[in-house]
Amino acid sequence: MLPAYKPNDYVVCLKTKNINVDDVIVIETNELGKVVKRVRSISGNLLKISGDNKSYHSPVYEMTHDLDTVVGRVIFKLF
């Protein structure tokens, strides 16, 4: 999620299932654990995510994620 979020940044999340396209969320993945990503699309209870760094590609971008894997919506970053 560079440049906005860097590795080891601390973020504060609001635990909610009220997620919209373009929200930054923390999601629990089997492959990478908890990651910070942006919501690309929502279809019912499923969503697709992406990162802000266009030069980086992750396999989690190709997967569909269940809304139940969302830990929360990022509301701000601590420095």
Foldseek 3Di string as FASTA:
>chain_A
DPPVDDPPWAFDFDADLPDDAQFWFWFQDPVPGTDTWGWHDDDPQKTATHHPPPVDDDPSNVDIDGSVRTRGTTPGIDD
